[in-house]
Amino acid sequence: MIVVVPEKWPVGILTDRDIVIRAVASERDLADTTVGDIMSAPVRTIAATAAIEEALGVMRRLAVRRLVVTRDDGVLAGLLSLDDVIERLADDAGVIASLLRKEVPAIHG
């Protein structure tokens, strides 16, 4: 996935799905096709300072799996995907499970 930033501010996202559906499957002449022709736009953004809960709410409301993360001035700071959040939550759950396994013998012992 590529965030399209022609100047300072993100204007779209180009995914493998965009390429397949909007270029290959529609039999476009790839030599004459630009990124701007097939990217997904407008870009969906969220502030880098936003809470994860807010980001998930935006993803749900907009029915998207990715958000472009921006600084206060609108410049690209990164990309957040639903998969990133799920992976982090799984890691956190693993840490919690490990702590609980360590505590159980102490409680019963």
PDB file of N, CA and C in Angstrom:
ATOM      1  N   MET A   1       0.834  -1.158   0.000  1.00  0.00           N
ATOM      2  CA  MET A   1       0.000   0.000   0.000  1.00  0.00           C
ATOM      3  C   MET A   1       0.890   1.236   0.000  1.00  0.00           C
ATOM      4  N   ILE A   2       0.479   2.224  -0.764  1.00  0.00           N
ATOM      5  CA  ILE A   2       1.240   3.458  -0.891  1.00  0.00           C
ATOM      6  C   ILE A   2       0.321   4.629  -0.574  1.00  0.00           C
ATOM      7  N   VAL A   3       0.787   5.528   0.281  1.00  0.00           N
ATOM      8  CA  VAL A   3       0.067   6.765   0.515  1.00  0.00           C
ATOM      9  C   VAL A   3       0.571   7.765  -0.522  1.00  0.00           C
ATOM     10  N   VAL A   4      -0.347   8.354  -1.268  1.00  0.00           N
ATOM     11  CA  VAL A   4       0.012   9.276  -2.342  1.00  0.00           C
ATOM     12  C   VAL A   4       0.097  10.691  -1.769  1.00  0.00           C
ATOM     13  N   VAL A   5       1.308  11.268  -1.851  1.00  0.00           N
ATOM     14  CA  VAL A   5       1.582  12.592  -1.301  1.00  0.00           C
ATOM     15  C   VAL A   5       2.303  13.415  -2.372  1.00  0.00           C
ATOM     16  N   PRO A   6       1.554  14.093  -3.248  1.00  0.00           N
ATOM     17  CA  PRO A   6       2.210  14.825  -4.324  1.00  0.00           C
ATOM     18  C   PRO A   6       2.985  16.061  -3.857  1.00  0.00           C
ATOM     19  N   GLU A   7       2.556  16.692  -2.809  1.00  0.00           N
ATOM     20  CA  GLU A   7       3.251  17.857  -2.256  1.00  0.00           C
ATOM     21  C   GLU A   7       3.562  17.546  -0.797  1.00  0.00           C
ATOM     22  N   LYS A   8       2.814  18.143   0.114  1.00  0.00           N
ATOM     23  CA  LYS A   8       3.013  17.895   1.543  1.00  0.00           C
ATOM     24  C   LYS A   8       1.925  17.037   2.152  1.00  0.00           C
ATOM     25  N   TRP A   9       0.724  17.075   1.565  1.00  0.00           N
ATOM     26  CA  TRP A   9      -0.429  16.468   2.199  1.00  0.00           C
ATOM     27  C   TRP A   9      -0.905  15.245   1.435  1.00  0.00           C
ATOM     28  N   PRO A  10      -1.281  14.192   2.146  1.00  0.00           N
ATOM     29  CA  PRO A  10      -1.782  12.979   1.488  1.00  0.00           C
ATOM     30  C   PRO A  10      -3.096  13.239   0.759  1.00  0.00           C
ATOM     31  N   VAL A  11      -3.199  12.677  -0.454  1.00  0.00           N
ATOM     32  CA  VAL A  11      -4.415  12.869  -1.256  1.00  0.00           C
ATOM     33  C   VAL A  11      -5.106  11.559  -1.610  1.00  0.00           C
ATOM     34  N   GLY A  12      -4.452  10.430  -1.376  1.00  0.00           N
ATOM     35  CA  GLY A  12      -5.054   9.147  -1.705  1.00  0.00           C
ATOM     36  C   GLY A  12      -4.192   7.992  -1.248  1.00  0.00           C
ATOM     37  N   ILE A  13      -4.719   6.791  -1.466  1.00  0.00           N
ATOM     38  CA  ILE A  13      -4.004   5.555  -1.158  1.00  0.00           C
ATOM     39  C   ILE A  13      -4.069   4.670  -2.395  1.00  0.00           C
ATOM     40  N   LEU A  14      -2.961   4.037  -2.710  1.00  0.00           N
ATOM     41  CA  LEU A  14      -2.923   3.077  -3.811  1.00  0.00           C
ATOM     42  C   LEU A  14      -2.664   1.696  -3.221  1.00  0.00           C
ATOM     43  N   THR A  15      -3.597   0.779  -3.442  1.00  0.00           N
ATOM     44  CA  THR A  15      -3.470  -0.581  -2.928  1.00  0.00           C
ATOM     45  C   THR A  15      -3.358  -1.570  -4.086  1.00  0.00           C
ATOM     46  N   ASP A  16      -2.980  -2.792  -3.765  1.00  0.00           N
ATOM     47  CA  ASP A  16      -2.942  -3.838  -4.784  1.00  0.00           C
ATOM     48  C   ASP A  16      -4.334  -4.057  -5.367  1.00  0.00           C
ATOM     49  N   ARG A  17      -5.348  -3.899  -4.551  1.00  0.00           N
ATOM     50  CA  ARG A  17      -6.734  -4.045  -5.025  1.00  0.00           C
ATOM     51  C   ARG A  17      -7.075  -2.960  -6.057  1.00  0.00           C
ATOM     52  N   ASP A  18      -6.646  -1.726  -5.798  1.00  0.00           N
ATOM     53  CA  ASP A  18      -6.863  -0.649  -6.766  1.00  0.00           C
ATOM     54  C   ASP A  18      -6.237  -0.993  -8.109  1.00  0.00           C
ATOM     55  N   ILE A  19      -5.026  -1.498  -8.060  1.00  0.00           N
ATOM     56  CA  ILE A  19      -4.312  -1.845  -9.303  1.00  0.00           C
ATOM     57  C   ILE A  19      -5.049  -2.939 -10.057  1.00  0.00           C
ATOM     58  N   VAL A  20      -5.451  -3.973  -9.337  1.00  0.00           N
ATOM     59  CA  VAL A  20      -6.125  -5.101  -9.986  1.00  0.00           C
ATOM     60  C   VAL A  20      -7.482  -4.681 -10.563  1.00  0.00           C
ATOM     61  N   ILE A  21      -8.292  -4.015  -9.768  1.00  0.00           N
ATOM     62  CA  ILE A  21      -9.656  -3.685 -10.204  1.00  0.00           C
ATOM     63  C   ILE A  21      -9.688  -2.522 -11.195  1.00  0.00           C
ATOM     64  N   ARG A  22      -8.961  -1.468 -10.890  1.00  0.00           N
ATOM     65  CA  ARG A  22      -9.077  -0.258 -11.715  1.00  0.00           C
ATOM     66  C   ARG A  22      -8.124  -0.209 -12.900  1.00  0.00           C
ATOM     67  N   ALA A  23      -7.128  -1.076 -12.907  1.00  0.00           N
ATOM     68  CA  ALA A  23      -6.177  -1.048 -14.023  1.00  0.00           C
ATOM     69  C   ALA A  23      -6.173  -2.363 -14.790  1.00  0.00           C
ATOM     70  N   VAL A  24      -5.812  -3.444 -14.131  1.00  0.00           N
ATOM     71  CA  VAL A  24      -5.650  -4.727 -14.818  1.00  0.00           C
ATOM     72  C   VAL A  24      -6.986  -5.281 -15.299  1.00  0.00           C
ATOM     73  N   ALA A  25      -7.957  -5.419 -14.389  1.00  0.00           N
ATOM     74  CA  ALA A  25      -9.247  -6.020 -14.758  1.00  0.00           C
ATOM     75  C   ALA A  25     -10.013  -5.170 -15.776  1.00  0.00           C
ATOM     76  N   SER A  26      -9.821  -3.872 -15.736  1.00  0.00           N
ATOM     77  CA  SER A  26     -10.506  -3.010 -16.698  1.00  0.00           C
ATOM     78  C   SER A  26      -9.691  -2.820 -17.977  1.00  0.00           C
ATOM     79  N   GLU A  27      -8.574  -3.549 -18.055  1.00  0.00           N
ATOM     80  CA  GLU A  27      -7.717  -3.581 -19.245  1.00  0.00           C
ATOM     81  C   GLU A  27      -7.237  -2.197 -19.679  1.00  0.00           C
ATOM     82  N   ARG A  28      -6.876  -1.371 -18.701  1.00  0.00           N
ATOM     83  CA  ARG A  28      -6.318  -0.047 -19.015  1.00  0.00           C
ATOM     84  C   ARG A  28      -4.926  -0.215 -19.603  1.00  0.00           C
ATOM     85  N   ASP A  29      -4.546   0.703 -20.429  1.00  0.00           N
ATOM     86  CA  ASP A  29      -3.176   0.740 -20.941  1.00  0.00           C
ATOM     87  C   ASP A  29      -2.301   1.259 -19.807  1.00  0.00           C
ATOM     88  N   LEU A  30      -1.510   0.378 -19.222  1.00  0.00           N
ATOM     89  CA  LEU A  30      -0.731   0.745 -18.037  1.00  0.00           C
ATOM     90  C   LEU A  30       0.310   1.816 -18.335  1.00  0.00           C
ATOM     91  N   ALA A  31       0.763   1.898 -19.572  1.00  0.00           N
ATOM     92  CA  ALA A  31       1.737   2.924 -19.935  1.00  0.00           C
ATOM     93  C   ALA A  31       1.121   4.319 -19.855  1.00  0.00           C
ATOM     94  N   ASP A  32      -0.191   4.410 -20.004  1.00  0.00           N
ATOM     95  CA  ASP A  32      -0.878   5.699 -19.972  1.00  0.00           C
ATOM     96  C   ASP A  32      -1.690   5.911 -18.698  1.00  0.00           C
ATOM     97  N   THR A  33      -1.536   5.017 -17.728  1.00  0.00           N
ATOM     98  CA  THR A  33      -2.302   5.099 -16.488  1.00  0.00           C
ATOM     99  C   THR A  33      -1.422   5.675 -15.391  1.00  0.00           C
ATOM    100  N   THR A  34      -1.933   6.691 -14.698  1.00  0.00           N
ATOM    101  CA  THR A  34      -1.184   7.284 -13.591  1.00  0.00           C
ATOM    102  C   THR A  34      -1.707   6.756 -12.263  1.00  0.00           C
ATOM    103  N   VAL A  35      -0.941   6.947 -11.230  1.00  0.00           N
ATOM    104  CA  VAL A  35      -1.365   6.581  -9.883  1.00  0.00           C
ATOM    105  C   VAL A  35      -2.660   7.315  -9.545  1.00  0.00           C
ATOM    106  N   GLY A  36      -2.728   8.587  -9.902  1.00  0.00           N
ATOM    107  CA  GLY A  36      -3.919   9.382  -9.628  1.00  0.00           C
ATOM    108  C   GLY A  36      -5.162   8.853 -10.305  1.00  0.00           C
ATOM    109  N   ASP A  37      -4.990   8.159 -11.435  1.00  0.00           N
ATOM    110  CA  ASP A  37      -6.133   7.588 -12.150  1.00  0.00           C
ATOM    111  C   ASP A  37      -6.783   6.442 -11.391  1.00  0.00           C
ATOM    112  N   ILE A  38      -6.013   5.707 -10.613  1.00  0.00           N
ATOM    113  CA  ILE A  38      -6.540   4.477 -10.012  1.00  0.00           C
ATOM    114  C   ILE A  38      -6.504   4.441  -8.486  1.00  0.00           C
ATOM    115  N   MET A  39      -5.933   5.461  -7.851  1.00  0.00           N
ATOM    116  CA  MET A  39      -5.848   5.461  -6.381  1.00  0.00           C
ATOM    117  C   MET A  39      -7.228   5.634  -5.764  1.00  0.00           C
ATOM    118  N   SER A  40      -7.344   5.247  -4.505  1.00  0.00           N
ATOM    119  CA  SER A  40      -8.562   5.480  -3.733  1.00  0.00           C
ATOM    120  C   SER A  40      -8.473   6.872  -3.112  1.00  0.00           C
ATOM    121  N   ALA A  41      -9.483   7.667  -3.357  1.00  0.00           N
ATOM    122  CA  ALA A  41      -9.509   9.025  -2.826  1.00  0.00           C
ATOM    123  C   ALA A  41     -10.966   9.395  -2.578  1.00  0.00           C
ATOM    124  N   PRO A  42     -11.275  10.273  -1.663  1.00  0.00           N
ATOM    125  CA  PRO A  42     -10.327  11.038  -0.866  1.00  0.00           C
ATOM    126  C   PRO A  42      -9.705  10.173   0.223  1.00  0.00           C
ATOM    127  N   VAL A  43      -8.583  10.615   0.707  1.00  0.00           N
ATOM    128  CA  VAL A  43      -7.888   9.888   1.755  1.00  0.00           C
ATOM    129  C   VAL A  43      -8.632  10.093   3.079  1.00  0.00           C
ATOM    130  N   ARG A  44      -8.694   9.050   3.878  1.00  0.00           N
ATOM    131  CA  ARG A  44      -9.324   9.117   5.201  1.00  0.00           C
ATOM    132  C   ARG A  44      -8.211   9.296   6.219  1.00  0.00           C
ATOM    133  N   THR A  45      -8.285  10.349   7.008  1.00  0.00           N
ATOM    134  CA  THR A  45      -7.195  10.664   7.925  1.00  0.00           C
ATOM    135  C   THR A  45      -7.645  10.690   9.369  1.00  0.00           C
ATOM    136  N   ILE A  46      -6.646  10.599  10.242  1.00  0.00           N
ATOM    137  CA  ILE A  46      -6.868  10.783  11.677  1.00  0.00           C
ATOM    138  C   ILE A  46      -5.599  11.403  12.246  1.00  0.00           C
ATOM    139  N   ALA A  47      -5.752  12.209  13.270  1.00  0.00           N
ATOM    140  CA  ALA A  47      -4.619  12.872  13.898  1.00  0.00           C
ATOM    141  C   ALA A  47      -3.749  11.858  14.643  1.00  0.00           C
ATOM    142  N   ALA A  48      -2.455  12.093  14.622  1.00  0.00           N
ATOM    143  CA  ALA A  48      -1.510  11.213  15.313  1.00  0.00           C
ATOM    144  C   ALA A  48      -1.775  11.172  16.816  1.00  0.00           C
ATOM    145  N   THR A  49      -2.407  12.199  17.341  1.00  0.00           N
ATOM    146  CA  THR A  49      -2.687  12.272  18.776  1.00  0.00           C
ATOM    147  C   THR A  49      -4.013  11.617  19.164  1.00  0.00           C
ATOM    148  N   ALA A  50      -4.776  11.130  18.195  1.00  0.00           N
ATOM    149  CA  ALA A  50      -6.077  10.524  18.481  1.00  0.00           C
ATOM    150  C   ALA A  50      -5.911   9.196  19.218  1.00  0.00           C
ATOM    151  N   ALA A  51      -6.877   8.894  20.048  1.00  0.00           N
ATOM    152  CA  ALA A  51      -6.887   7.614  20.763  1.00  0.00           C
ATOM    153  C   ALA A  51      -7.246   6.483  19.789  1.00  0.00           C
ATOM    154  N   ILE A  52      -6.780   5.294  20.102  1.00  0.00           N
ATOM    155  CA  ILE A  52      -7.084   4.126  19.272  1.00  0.00           C
ATOM    156  C   ILE A  52      -8.595   3.921  19.169  1.00  0.00           C
ATOM    157  N   GLU A  53      -9.310   4.132  20.260  1.00  0.00           N
ATOM    158  CA  GLU A  53     -10.763   3.974  20.243  1.00  0.00           C
ATOM    159  C   GLU A  53     -11.402   4.902  19.219  1.00  0.00           C
ATOM    160  N   GLU A  54     -10.890   6.125  19.128  1.00  0.00           N
ATOM    161  CA  GLU A  54     -11.405   7.077  18.139  1.00  0.00           C
ATOM    162  C   GLU A  54     -11.119   6.580  16.725  1.00  0.00           C
ATOM    163  N   ALA A  55      -9.902   6.085  16.500  1.00  0.00           N
ATOM    164  CA  ALA A  55      -9.531   5.571  15.177  1.00  0.00           C
ATOM    165  C   ALA A  55     -10.437   4.408  14.783  1.00  0.00           C
ATOM    166  N   LEU A  56     -10.687   3.500  15.715  1.00  0.00           N
ATOM    167  CA  LEU A  56     -11.577   2.374  15.419  1.00  0.00           C
ATOM    168  C   LEU A  56     -12.999   2.848  15.123  1.00  0.00           C
ATOM    169  N   GLY A  57     -13.453   3.864  15.830  1.00  0.00           N
ATOM    170  CA  GLY A  57     -14.766   4.422  15.566  1.00  0.00           C
ATOM    171  C   GLY A  57     -14.854   5.031  14.171  1.00  0.00           C
ATOM    172  N   VAL A  58     -13.811   5.730  13.762  1.00  0.00           N
ATOM    173  CA  VAL A  58     -13.778   6.315  12.418  1.00  0.00           C
ATOM    174  C   VAL A  58     -13.768   5.214  11.366  1.00  0.00           C
ATOM    175  N   MET A  59     -12.933   4.182  11.583  1.00  0.00           N
ATOM    176  CA  MET A  59     -12.889   3.057  10.633  1.00  0.00           C
ATOM    177  C   MET A  59     -14.264   2.419  10.494  1.00  0.00           C
ATOM    178  N   ARG A  60     -14.929   2.232  11.612  1.00  0.00           N
ATOM    179  CA  ARG A  60     -16.255   1.606  11.582  1.00  0.00           C
ATOM    180  C   ARG A  60     -17.267   2.488  10.861  1.00  0.00           C
ATOM    181  N   ARG A  61     -17.283   3.764  11.221  1.00  0.00           N
ATOM    182  CA  ARG A  61     -18.241   4.699  10.630  1.00  0.00           C
ATOM    183  C   ARG A  61     -18.055   4.832   9.119  1.00  0.00           C
ATOM    184  N   LEU A  62     -16.789   4.848   8.667  1.00  0.00           N
ATOM    185  CA  LEU A  62     -16.494   5.014   7.242  1.00  0.00           C
ATOM    186  C   LEU A  62     -16.379   3.687   6.496  1.00  0.00           C
ATOM    187  N   ALA A  63     -16.455   2.574   7.240  1.00  0.00           N
ATOM    188  CA  ALA A  63     -16.311   1.234   6.653  1.00  0.00           C
ATOM    189  C   ALA A  63     -14.993   1.103   5.887  1.00  0.00           C
ATOM    190  N   VAL A  64     -13.895   1.507   6.561  1.00  0.00           N
ATOM    191  CA  VAL A  64     -12.557   1.382   5.983  1.00  0.00           C
ATOM    192  C   VAL A  64     -11.673   0.597   6.944  1.00  0.00           C
ATOM    193  N   ARG A  65     -10.624   0.004   6.408  1.00  0.00           N
ATOM    194  CA  ARG A  65      -9.694  -0.787   7.220  1.00  0.00           C
ATOM    195  C   ARG A  65      -8.370  -0.066   7.457  1.00  0.00           C
ATOM    196  N   ARG A  66      -8.215   1.128   6.844  1.00  0.00           N
ATOM    197  CA  ARG A  66      -6.961   1.864   6.961  1.00  0.00           C
ATOM    198  C   ARG A  66      -7.241   3.347   7.101  1.00  0.00           C
ATOM    199  N   LEU A  67      -6.407   4.000   7.908  1.00  0.00           N
ATOM    200  CA  LEU A  67      -6.472   5.453   8.035  1.00  0.00           C
ATOM    201  C   LEU A  67      -5.066   6.019   7.875  1.00  0.00           C
ATOM    202  N   VAL A  68      -4.965   7.121   7.154  1.00  0.00           N
ATOM    203  CA  VAL A  68      -3.709   7.842   7.063  1.00  0.00           C
ATOM    204  C   VAL A  68      -3.596   8.691   8.325  1.00  0.00           C
ATOM    205  N   VAL A  69      -2.464   8.601   8.981  1.00  0.00           N
ATOM    206  CA  VAL A  69      -2.234   9.344  10.218  1.00  0.00           C
ATOM    207  C   VAL A  69      -1.475  10.622   9.867  1.00  0.00           C
ATOM    208  N   THR A  70      -1.984  11.745  10.361  1.00  0.00           N
ATOM    209  CA  THR A  70      -1.363  13.026  10.037  1.00  0.00           C
ATOM    210  C   THR A  70      -0.959  13.783  11.294  1.00  0.00           C
ATOM    211  N   ARG A  71       0.033  14.641  11.099  1.00  0.00           N
ATOM    212  CA  ARG A  71       0.435  15.558  12.163  1.00  0.00           C
ATOM    213  C   ARG A  71      -0.593  16.678  12.240  1.00  0.00           C
ATOM    214  N   ASP A  72      -0.430  17.561  13.207  1.00  0.00           N
ATOM    215  CA  ASP A  72      -1.366  18.681  13.364  1.00  0.00           C
ATOM    216  C   ASP A  72      -1.448  19.557  12.122  1.00  0.00           C
ATOM    217  N   ASP A  73      -0.348  19.635  11.351  1.00  0.00           N
ATOM    218  CA  ASP A  73      -0.336  20.475  10.157  1.00  0.00           C
ATOM    219  C   ASP A  73      -0.822  19.739   8.905  1.00  0.00           C
ATOM    220  N   GLY A  74      -1.316  18.503   9.074  1.00  0.00           N
ATOM    221  CA  GLY A  74      -1.858  17.737   7.953  1.00  0.00           C
ATOM    222  C   GLY A  74      -0.840  16.941   7.170  1.00  0.00           C
ATOM    223  N   VAL A  75       0.421  17.026   7.540  1.00  0.00           N
ATOM    224  CA  VAL A  75       1.481  16.291   6.857  1.00  0.00           C
ATOM    225  C   VAL A  75       1.453  14.826   7.300  1.00  0.00           C
ATOM    226  N   LEU A  76       1.762  13.938   6.374  1.00  0.00           N
ATOM    227  CA  LEU A  76       1.761  12.501   6.640  1.00  0.00           C
ATOM    228  C   LEU A  76       2.675  12.132   7.801  1.00  0.00           C
ATOM    229  N   ALA A  77       2.125  11.366   8.747  1.00  0.00           N
ATOM    230  CA  ALA A  77       2.914  10.860   9.866  1.00  0.00           C
ATOM    231  C   ALA A  77       3.027   9.339   9.809  1.00  0.00           C
ATOM    232  N   GLY A  78       2.046   8.673   9.174  1.00  0.00           N
ATOM    233  CA  GLY A  78       2.072   7.225   9.104  1.00  0.00           C
ATOM    234  C   GLY A  78       0.762   6.670   8.585  1.00  0.00           C
ATOM    235  N   LEU A  79       0.598   5.385   8.786  1.00  0.00           N
ATOM    236  CA  LEU A  79      -0.584   4.687   8.312  1.00  0.00           C
ATOM    237  C   LEU A  79      -1.009   3.711   9.398  1.00  0.00           C
ATOM    238  N   LEU A  80      -2.293   3.665   9.693  1.00  0.00           N
ATOM    239  CA  LEU A  80      -2.836   2.745  10.690  1.00  0.00           C
ATOM    240  C   LEU A  80      -3.826   1.830  10.004  1.00  0.00           C
ATOM    241  N   SER A  81      -3.623   0.533  10.166  1.00  0.00           N
ATOM    242  CA  SER A  81      -4.567  -0.427   9.599  1.00  0.00           C
ATOM    243  C   SER A  81      -5.258  -1.188  10.720  1.00  0.00           C
ATOM    244  N   LEU A  82      -6.420  -1.708  10.411  1.00  0.00           N
ATOM    245  CA  LEU A  82      -7.136  -2.525  11.378  1.00  0.00           C
ATOM    246  C   LEU A  82      -6.280  -3.715  11.790  1.00  0.00           C
ATOM    247  N   ASP A  83      -5.526  -4.268  10.856  1.00  0.00           N
ATOM    248  CA  ASP A  83      -4.630  -5.385  11.176  1.00  0.00           C
ATOM    249  C   ASP A  83      -3.580  -4.976  12.211  1.00  0.00           C
ATOM    250  N   ASP A  84      -3.081  -3.732  12.127  1.00  0.00           N
ATOM    251  CA  ASP A  84      -2.113  -3.234  13.117  1.00  0.00           C
ATOM    252  C   ASP A  84      -2.727  -3.250  14.516  1.00  0.00           C
ATOM    253  N   VAL A  85      -3.967  -2.773  14.603  1.00  0.00           N
ATOM    254  CA  VAL A  85      -4.645  -2.703  15.898  1.00  0.00           C
ATOM    255  C   VAL A  85      -4.892  -4.104  16.441  1.00  0.00           C
ATOM    256  N   ILE A  86      -5.356  -5.008  15.591  1.00  0.00           N
ATOM    257  CA  ILE A  86      -5.625  -6.384  16.017  1.00  0.00           C
ATOM    258  C   ILE A  86      -4.340  -7.051  16.500  1.00  0.00           C
ATOM    259  N   GLU A  87      -3.256  -6.846  15.783  1.00  0.00           N
ATOM    260  CA  GLU A  87      -1.968  -7.438  16.179  1.00  0.00           C
ATOM    261  C   GLU A  87      -1.533  -6.912  17.542  1.00  0.00           C
ATOM    262  N   ARG A  88      -1.686  -5.620  17.770  1.00  0.00           N
ATOM    263  CA  ARG A  88      -1.309  -5.024  19.053  1.00  0.00           C
ATOM    264  C   ARG A  88      -2.180  -5.561  20.181  1.00  0.00           C
ATOM    265  N   LEU A  89      -3.490  -5.667  19.929  1.00  0.00           N
ATOM    266  CA  LEU A  89      -4.392  -6.199  20.948  1.00  0.00           C
ATOM    267  C   LEU A  89      -4.062  -7.656  21.275  1.00  0.00           C
ATOM    268  N   ALA A  90      -3.698  -8.437  20.262  1.00  0.00           N
ATOM    269  CA  ALA A  90      -3.314  -9.835  20.480  1.00  0.00           C
ATOM    270  C   ALA A  90      -2.047  -9.913  21.322  1.00  0.00           C
ATOM    271  N   ASP A  91      -1.089  -9.040  21.040  1.00  0.00           N
ATOM    272  CA  ASP A  91       0.142  -9.005  21.841  1.00  0.00           C
ATOM    273  C   ASP A  91      -0.173  -8.663  23.292  1.00  0.00           C
ATOM    274  N   ASP A  92      -1.033  -7.647  23.481  1.00  0.00           N
ATOM    275  CA  ASP A  92      -1.405  -7.247  24.837  1.00  0.00           C
ATOM    276  C   ASP A  92      -2.129  -8.377  25.560  1.00  0.00           C
ATOM    277  N   ALA A  93      -3.015  -9.076  24.858  1.00  0.00           N
ATOM    278  CA  ALA A  93      -3.735 -10.200  25.464  1.00  0.00           C
ATOM    279  C   ALA A  93      -2.758 -11.298  25.874  1.00  0.00           C
ATOM    280  N   GLY A  94      -1.741 -11.524  25.066  1.00  0.00           N
ATOM    281  CA  GLY A  94      -0.722 -12.523  25.401  1.00  0.00           C
ATOM    282  C   GLY A  94       0.038 -12.152  26.663  1.00  0.00           C
ATOM    283  N   VAL A  95       0.371 -10.889  26.810  1.00  0.00           N
ATOM    284  CA  VAL A  95       1.072 -10.420  28.014  1.00  0.00           C
ATOM    285  C   VAL A  95       0.175 -10.604  29.239  1.00  0.00           C
ATOM    286  N   ILE A  96      -1.079 -10.245  29.116  1.00  0.00           N
ATOM    287  CA  ILE A  96      -2.019 -10.395  30.230  1.00  0.00           C
ATOM    288  C   ILE A  96      -2.167 -11.872  30.610  1.00  0.00           C
ATOM    289  N   ALA A  97      -2.285 -12.736  29.617  1.00  0.00           N
ATOM    290  CA  ALA A  97      -2.408 -14.175  29.887  1.00  0.00           C
ATOM    291  C   ALA A  97      -1.168 -14.696  30.600  1.00  0.00           C
ATOM    292  N   SER A  98      -0.009 -14.249  30.180  1.00  0.00           N
ATOM    293  CA  SER A  98       1.241 -14.678  30.822  1.00  0.00           C
ATOM    294  C   SER A  98       1.288 -14.234  32.279  1.00  0.00           C
ATOM    295  N   LEU A  99       0.875 -13.011  32.534  1.00  0.00           N
ATOM    296  CA  LEU A  99       0.847 -12.514  33.916  1.00  0.00           C
ATOM    297  C   LEU A  99      -0.133 -13.303  34.770  1.00  0.00           C
ATOM    298  N   LEU A 100      -1.291 -13.620  34.209  1.00  0.00           N
ATOM    299  CA  LEU A 100      -2.286 -14.376  34.962  1.00  0.00           C
ATOM    300  C   LEU A 100      -1.800 -15.789  35.277  1.00  0.00           C
ATOM    301  N   ARG A 101      -1.091 -16.409  34.317  1.00  0.00           N
ATOM    302  CA  ARG A 101      -0.554 -17.751  34.577  1.00  0.00           C
ATOM    303  C   ARG A 101       0.461 -17.733  35.710  1.00  0.00           C
ATOM    304  N   LYS A 102       1.222 -16.666  35.821  1.00  0.00           N
ATOM    305  CA  LYS A 102       2.201 -16.533  36.894  1.00  0.00           C
ATOM    306  C   LYS A 102       1.535 -16.299  38.241  1.00  0.00           C
ATOM    307  N   GLU A 103       0.404 -15.599  38.241  1.00  0.00           N
ATOM    308  CA  GLU A 103      -0.300 -15.264  39.477  1.00  0.00           C
ATOM    309  C   GLU A 103      -1.137 -16.418  40.027  1.00  0.00           C
ATOM    310  N   VAL A 104      -1.657 -17.273  39.186  1.00  0.00           N
ATOM    311  CA  VAL A 104      -2.550 -18.341  39.629  1.00  0.00           C
ATOM    312  C   VAL A 104      -1.892 -19.243  40.669  1.00  0.00           C
ATOM    313  N   PRO A 105      -0.654 -19.755  40.475  1.00  0.00           N
ATOM    314  CA  PRO A 105      -0.044 -20.601  41.523  1.00  0.00           C
ATOM    315  C   PRO A 105       0.141 -19.843  42.839  1.00  0.00           C
ATOM    316  N   ALA A 106       0.449 -18.567  42.790  1.00  0.00           N
ATOM    317  CA  ALA A 106       0.648 -17.796  44.015  1.00  0.00           C
ATOM    318  C   ALA A 106      -0.655 -17.652  44.778  1.00  0.00           C
ATOM    319  N   ILE A 107      -1.753 -17.544  44.105  1.00  0.00           N
ATOM    320  CA  ILE A 107      -3.053 -17.390  44.757  1.00  0.00           C
ATOM    321  C   ILE A 107      -3.471 -18.696  45.423  1.00  0.00           C
ATOM    322  N   HIS A 108      -3.242 -19.813  44.724  1.00  0.00           N
ATOM    323  CA  HIS A 108      -3.688 -21.106  45.237  1.00  0.00           C
ATOM    324  C   HIS A 108      -2.629 -21.827  46.051  1.00  0.00           C
ATOM    325  N   GLY A 109      -1.440 -21.301  46.096  1.00  0.00           N
ATOM    326  CA  GLY A 109      -0.367 -22.063  46.681  1.00  0.00           C
ATOM    327  C   GLY A 109      -0.058 -21.773  48.055  1.00  0.00           C
TER     328      GLY A 109
END
